[in-house]
Amino acid sequence: MTKPEWRKSSRSGDSGGECVEVADNLADRVLVRDTKDREGGTLTFGPESWRAFVTEVARRP
């Protein structure tokens, strides 16, 4: 099984406040977690749902 490769979201700020990490290297899912609470839970998206979410976020100012 492939392990998630976590990276900080490009939309996260540098102030250390609202940061999320994304693991999008898995074939069938995308994982999202809070950088400050990595053990606190993970959101799981299907690839199509993730693309739709990212597209919508990119359209916002």
PDB file of N, CA and C in Angstrom:
ATOM      1  N   MET A   1       0.834  -1.181   0.000  1.00  0.00           N
ATOM      2  CA  MET A   1       0.000   0.000   0.000  1.00  0.00           C
ATOM      3  C   MET A   1       0.884   1.251   0.000  1.00  0.00           C
ATOM      4  N   THR A   2       0.503   2.214  -0.804  1.00  0.00           N
ATOM      5  CA  THR A   2       1.240   3.472  -0.880  1.00  0.00           C
ATOM      6  C   THR A   2       0.934   4.330   0.338  1.00  0.00           C
ATOM      7  N   LYS A   3       1.971   4.895   0.921  1.00  0.00           N
ATOM      8  CA  LYS A   3       1.789   5.795   2.067  1.00  0.00           C
ATOM      9  C   LYS A   3       1.491   7.199   1.558  1.00  0.00           C
ATOM     10  N   PRO A   4       0.660   7.941   2.297  1.00  0.00           N
ATOM     11  CA  PRO A   4       0.381   9.321   1.900  1.00  0.00           C
ATOM     12  C   PRO A   4       1.647  10.174   1.957  1.00  0.00           C
ATOM     13  N   GLU A   5       1.831  11.011   0.958  1.00  0.00           N
ATOM     14  CA  GLU A   5       2.924  11.980   0.943  1.00  0.00           C
ATOM     15  C   GLU A   5       2.288  13.344   1.188  1.00  0.00           C
ATOM     16  N   TRP A   6       2.428  13.831   2.415  1.00  0.00           N
ATOM     17  CA  TRP A   6       1.770  15.062   2.834  1.00  0.00           C
ATOM     18  C   TRP A   6       2.549  16.274   2.370  1.00  0.00           C
ATOM     19  N   ARG A   7       1.815  17.317   1.948  1.00  0.00           N
ATOM     20  CA  ARG A   7       2.407  18.601   1.604  1.00  0.00           C
ATOM     21  C   ARG A   7       1.483  19.701   2.099  1.00  0.00           C
ATOM     22  N   LYS A   8       2.046  20.832   2.438  1.00  0.00           N
ATOM     23  CA  LYS A   8       1.249  21.957   2.899  1.00  0.00           C
ATOM     24  C   LYS A   8       0.520  22.566   1.712  1.00  0.00           C
ATOM     25  N   SER A   9      -0.742  22.843   1.883  1.00  0.00           N
ATOM     26  CA  SER A   9      -1.538  23.452   0.828  1.00  0.00           C
ATOM     27  C   SER A   9      -0.970  24.803   0.428  1.00  0.00           C
ATOM     28  N   SER A  10      -0.990  25.095  -0.862  1.00  0.00           N
ATOM     29  CA  SER A  10      -0.501  26.390  -1.342  1.00  0.00           C
ATOM     30  C   SER A  10      -1.405  27.528  -0.885  1.00  0.00           C
ATOM     31  N   ARG A  11      -2.629  27.217  -0.465  1.00  0.00           N
ATOM     32  CA  ARG A  11      -3.569  28.230   0.033  1.00  0.00           C
ATOM     33  C   ARG A  11      -3.380  28.522   1.521  1.00  0.00           C
ATOM     34  N   SER A  12      -2.538  27.762   2.194  1.00  0.00           N
ATOM     35  CA  SER A  12      -2.290  27.997   3.615  1.00  0.00           C
ATOM     36  C   SER A  12      -1.386  29.207   3.774  1.00  0.00           C
ATOM     37  N   GLY A  13      -1.639  29.983   4.790  1.00  0.00           N
ATOM     38  CA  GLY A  13      -0.820  31.160   5.043  1.00  0.00           C
ATOM     39  C   GLY A  13       0.485  30.803   5.732  1.00  0.00           C
ATOM     40  N   ASP A  14       1.357  31.791   5.847  1.00  0.00           N
ATOM     41  CA  ASP A  14       2.660  31.586   6.492  1.00  0.00           C
ATOM     42  C   ASP A  14       2.650  31.980   7.965  1.00  0.00           C
ATOM     43  N   SER A  15       1.504  32.426   8.472  1.00  0.00           N
ATOM     44  CA  SER A  15       1.441  32.918   9.850  1.00  0.00           C
ATOM     45  C   SER A  15       1.321  31.796  10.879  1.00  0.00           C
ATOM     46  N   GLY A  16       1.177  30.540  10.416  1.00  0.00           N
ATOM     47  CA  GLY A  16       1.075  29.431  11.345  1.00  0.00           C
ATOM     48  C   GLY A  16      -0.322  29.204  11.873  1.00  0.00           C
ATOM     49  N   GLY A  17      -1.301  29.891  11.334  1.00  0.00           N
ATOM     50  CA  GLY A  17      -2.670  29.771  11.819  1.00  0.00           C
ATOM     51  C   GLY A  17      -3.459  28.685  11.109  1.00  0.00           C
ATOM     52  N   GLU A  18      -4.043  29.030  10.001  1.00  0.00           N
ATOM     53  CA  GLU A  18      -4.943  28.124   9.285  1.00  0.00           C
ATOM     54  C   GLU A  18      -4.194  27.359   8.201  1.00  0.00           C
ATOM     55  N   CYS A  19      -3.618  26.235   8.561  1.00  0.00           N
ATOM     56  CA  CYS A  19      -2.834  25.447   7.621  1.00  0.00           C
ATOM     57  C   CYS A  19      -3.422  24.054   7.462  1.00  0.00           C
ATOM     58  N   VAL A  20      -3.481  23.616   6.229  1.00  0.00           N
ATOM     59  CA  VAL A  20      -3.895  22.249   5.973  1.00  0.00           C
ATOM     60  C   VAL A  20      -2.827  21.553   5.147  1.00  0.00           C
ATOM     61  N   GLU A  21      -2.779  20.242   5.292  1.00  0.00           N
ATOM     62  CA  GLU A  21      -1.880  19.417   4.506  1.00  0.00           C
ATOM     63  C   GLU A  21      -2.726  18.506   3.623  1.00  0.00           C
ATOM     64  N   VAL A  22      -2.216  18.249   2.428  1.00  0.00           N
ATOM     65  CA  VAL A  22      -2.920  17.438   1.447  1.00  0.00           C
ATOM     66  C   VAL A  22      -2.009  16.301   1.012  1.00  0.00           C
ATOM     67  N   ALA A  23      -2.575  15.107   0.906  1.00  0.00           N
ATOM     68  CA  ALA A  23      -1.872  13.958   0.322  1.00  0.00           C
ATOM     69  C   ALA A  23      -2.671  13.554  -0.906  1.00  0.00           C
ATOM     70  N   ASP A  24      -2.136  13.906  -2.093  1.00  0.00           N
ATOM     71  CA  ASP A  24      -2.846  13.608  -3.329  1.00  0.00           C
ATOM     72  C   ASP A  24      -2.075  12.631  -4.224  1.00  0.00           C
ATOM     73  N   ASN A  25      -1.207  11.850  -3.601  1.00  0.00           N
ATOM     74  CA  ASN A  25      -0.420  10.878  -4.340  1.00  0.00           C
ATOM     75  C   ASN A  25      -1.067   9.490  -4.387  1.00  0.00           C
ATOM     76  N   LEU A  26      -2.232   9.340  -3.784  1.00  0.00           N
ATOM     77  CA  LEU A  26      -2.898   8.045  -3.741  1.00  0.00           C
ATOM     78  C   LEU A  26      -3.844   7.909  -4.938  1.00  0.00           C
ATOM     79  N   ALA A  27      -3.967   6.729  -5.467  1.00  0.00           N
ATOM     80  CA  ALA A  27      -4.729   6.515  -6.706  1.00  0.00           C
ATOM     81  C   ALA A  27      -6.221   6.775  -6.558  1.00  0.00           C
ATOM     82  N   ASP A  28      -6.816   6.424  -5.435  1.00  0.00           N
ATOM     83  CA  ASP A  28      -8.276   6.437  -5.328  1.00  0.00           C
ATOM     84  C   ASP A  28      -8.835   7.422  -4.312  1.00  0.00           C
ATOM     85  N   ARG A  29      -7.972   8.255  -3.707  1.00  0.00           N
ATOM     86  CA  ARG A  29      -8.473   9.197  -2.717  1.00  0.00           C
ATOM     87  C   ARG A  29      -7.462  10.314  -2.475  1.00  0.00           C
ATOM     88  N   VAL A  30      -7.975  11.421  -1.954  1.00  0.00           N
ATOM     89  CA  VAL A  30      -7.152  12.563  -1.555  1.00  0.00           C
ATOM     90  C   VAL A  30      -7.433  12.799  -0.081  1.00  0.00           C
ATOM     91  N   LEU A  31      -6.382  12.927   0.711  1.00  0.00           N
ATOM     92  CA  LEU A  31      -6.519  13.112   2.154  1.00  0.00           C
ATOM     93  C   LEU A  31      -6.178  14.546   2.529  1.00  0.00           C
ATOM     94  N   VAL A  32      -6.899  15.081   3.515  1.00  0.00           N
ATOM     95  CA  VAL A  32      -6.677  16.445   3.995  1.00  0.00           C
ATOM     96  C   VAL A  32      -6.690  16.416   5.519  1.00  0.00           C
ATOM     97  N   ARG A  33      -5.719  17.111   6.137  1.00  0.00           N
ATOM     98  CA  ARG A  33      -5.677  17.166   7.604  1.00  0.00           C
ATOM     99  C   ARG A  33      -5.191  18.535   8.052  1.00  0.00           C
ATOM    100  N   ASP A  34      -5.445  18.835   9.308  1.00  0.00           N
ATOM    101  CA  ASP A  34      -5.028  20.080   9.934  1.00  0.00           C
ATOM    102  C   ASP A  34      -3.561  19.939  10.348  1.00  0.00           C
ATOM    103  N   THR A  35      -2.726  20.862   9.911  1.00  0.00           N
ATOM    104  CA  THR A  35      -1.299  20.809  10.226  1.00  0.00           C
ATOM    105  C   THR A  35      -1.043  20.844  11.726  1.00  0.00           C
ATOM    106  N   LYS A  36      -1.859  21.611  12.455  1.00  0.00           N
ATOM    107  CA  LYS A  36      -1.647  21.764  13.895  1.00  0.00           C
ATOM    108  C   LYS A  36      -2.155  20.575  14.701  1.00  0.00           C
ATOM    109  N   ASP A  37      -2.981  19.721  14.093  1.00  0.00           N
ATOM    110  CA  ASP A  37      -3.567  18.584  14.811  1.00  0.00           C
ATOM    111  C   ASP A  37      -3.583  17.358  13.890  1.00  0.00           C
ATOM    112  N   ARG A  38      -2.412  16.889  13.552  1.00  0.00           N
ATOM    113  CA  ARG A  38      -2.273  15.804  12.576  1.00  0.00           C
ATOM    114  C   ARG A  38      -2.932  14.498  13.019  1.00  0.00           C
ATOM    115  N   GLU A  39      -3.093  14.308  14.305  1.00  0.00           N
ATOM    116  CA  GLU A  39      -3.732  13.089  14.818  1.00  0.00           C
ATOM    117  C   GLU A  39      -5.233  13.281  15.031  1.00  0.00           C
ATOM    118  N   GLY A  40      -5.740  14.481  14.778  1.00  0.00           N
ATOM    119  CA  GLY A  40      -7.116  14.822  15.080  1.00  0.00           C
ATOM    120  C   GLY A  40      -8.144  14.347  14.069  1.00  0.00           C
ATOM    121  N   GLY A  41      -7.724  13.762  12.996  1.00  0.00           N
ATOM    122  CA  GLY A  41      -8.666  13.277  11.997  1.00  0.00           C
ATOM    123  C   GLY A  41      -8.245  13.696  10.599  1.00  0.00           C
ATOM    124  N   THR A  42      -8.769  12.981   9.623  1.00  0.00           N
ATOM    125  CA  THR A  42      -8.436  13.221   8.222  1.00  0.00           C
ATOM    126  C   THR A  42      -9.713  13.210   7.399  1.00  0.00           C
ATOM    127  N   LEU A  43      -9.848  14.178   6.520  1.00  0.00           N
ATOM    128  CA  LEU A  43     -10.941  14.178   5.557  1.00  0.00           C
ATOM    129  C   LEU A  43     -10.499  13.387   4.341  1.00  0.00           C
ATOM    130  N   THR A  44     -11.414  12.633   3.760  1.00  0.00           N
ATOM    131  CA  THR A  44     -11.115  11.839   2.580  1.00  0.00           C
ATOM    132  C   THR A  44     -12.048  12.238   1.449  1.00  0.00           C
ATOM    133  N   PHE A  45     -11.467  12.546   0.303  1.00  0.00           N
ATOM    134  CA  PHE A  45     -12.221  12.919  -0.891  1.00  0.00           C
ATOM    135  C   PHE A  45     -11.926  11.916  -2.004  1.00  0.00           C
ATOM    136  N   GLY A  46     -12.909  11.653  -2.845  1.00  0.00           N
ATOM    137  CA  GLY A  46     -12.653  10.946  -4.088  1.00  0.00           C
ATOM    138  C   GLY A  46     -11.953  11.917  -5.030  1.00  0.00           C
ATOM    139  N   PRO A  47     -11.190  11.424  -5.999  1.00  0.00           N
ATOM    140  CA  PRO A  47     -10.456  12.318  -6.903  1.00  0.00           C
ATOM    141  C   PRO A  47     -11.348  13.332  -7.635  1.00  0.00           C
ATOM    142  N   GLU A  48     -12.516  12.906  -8.095  1.00  0.00           N
ATOM    143  CA  GLU A  48     -13.403  13.830  -8.809  1.00  0.00           C
ATOM    144  C   GLU A  48     -13.958  14.902  -7.874  1.00  0.00           C
ATOM    145  N   SER A  49     -14.327  14.507  -6.666  1.00  0.00           N
ATOM    146  CA  SER A  49     -14.830  15.481  -5.690  1.00  0.00           C
ATOM    147  C   SER A  49     -13.739  16.478  -5.324  1.00  0.00           C
ATOM    148  N   TRP A  50     -12.514  16.002  -5.183  1.00  0.00           N
ATOM    149  CA  TRP A  50     -11.409  16.888  -4.846  1.00  0.00           C
ATOM    150  C   TRP A  50     -11.169  17.902  -5.959  1.00  0.00           C
ATOM    151  N   ARG A  51     -11.171  17.445  -7.213  1.00  0.00           N
ATOM    152  CA  ARG A  51     -10.977  18.362  -8.336  1.00  0.00           C
ATOM    153  C   ARG A  51     -12.070  19.435  -8.359  1.00  0.00           C
ATOM    154  N   ALA A  52     -13.311  19.035  -8.110  1.00  0.00           N
ATOM    155  CA  ALA A  52     -14.416  19.994  -8.084  1.00  0.00           C
ATOM    156  C   ALA A  52     -14.214  21.005  -6.954  1.00  0.00           C
ATOM    157  N   PHE A  53     -13.796  20.550  -5.787  1.00  0.00           N
ATOM    158  CA  PHE A  53     -13.550  21.433  -4.646  1.00  0.00           C
ATOM    159  C   PHE A  53     -12.441  22.431  -4.970  1.00  0.00           C
ATOM    160  N   VAL A  54     -11.322  21.950  -5.496  1.00  0.00           N
ATOM    161  CA  VAL A  54     -10.184  22.820  -5.807  1.00  0.00           C
ATOM    162  C   VAL A  54     -10.567  23.835  -6.887  1.00  0.00           C
ATOM    163  N   THR A  55     -11.327  23.405  -7.871  1.00  0.00           N
ATOM    164  CA  THR A  55     -11.789  24.314  -8.922  1.00  0.00           C
ATOM    165  C   THR A  55     -12.633  25.425  -8.337  1.00  0.00           C
ATOM    166  N   GLU A  56     -13.553  25.085  -7.452  1.00  0.00           N
ATOM    167  CA  GLU A  56     -14.411  26.092  -6.827  1.00  0.00           C
ATOM    168  C   GLU A  56     -13.612  27.046  -5.948  1.00  0.00           C
ATOM    169  N   VAL A  57     -12.676  26.538  -5.179  1.00  0.00           N
ATOM    170  CA  VAL A  57     -11.851  27.403  -4.309  1.00  0.00           C
ATOM    171  C   VAL A  57     -11.018  28.351  -5.164  1.00  0.00           C
ATOM    172  N   ALA A  58     -10.481  27.880  -6.274  1.00  0.00           N
ATOM    173  CA  ALA A  58      -9.642  28.707  -7.132  1.00  0.00           C
ATOM    174  C   ALA A  58     -10.424  29.862  -7.758  1.00  0.00           C
ATOM    175  N   ARG A  59     -11.722  29.693  -7.909  1.00  0.00           N
ATOM    176  CA  ARG A  59     -12.558  30.741  -8.496  1.00  0.00           C
ATOM    177  C   ARG A  59     -12.856  31.866  -7.512  1.00  0.00           C
ATOM    178  N   ARG A  60     -12.634  31.639  -6.251  1.00  0.00           N
ATOM    179  CA  ARG A  60     -12.937  32.650  -5.229  1.00  0.00           C
ATOM    180  C   ARG A  60     -11.750  33.571  -4.993  1.00  0.00           C
ATOM    181  N   PRO A  61     -12.045  34.822  -4.682  1.00  0.00           N
ATOM    182  CA  PRO A  61     -10.945  35.803  -4.456  1.00  0.00           C
ATOM    183  C   PRO A  61     -10.150  35.499  -3.205  1.00  0.00           C
TER     184      PRO A  61
END
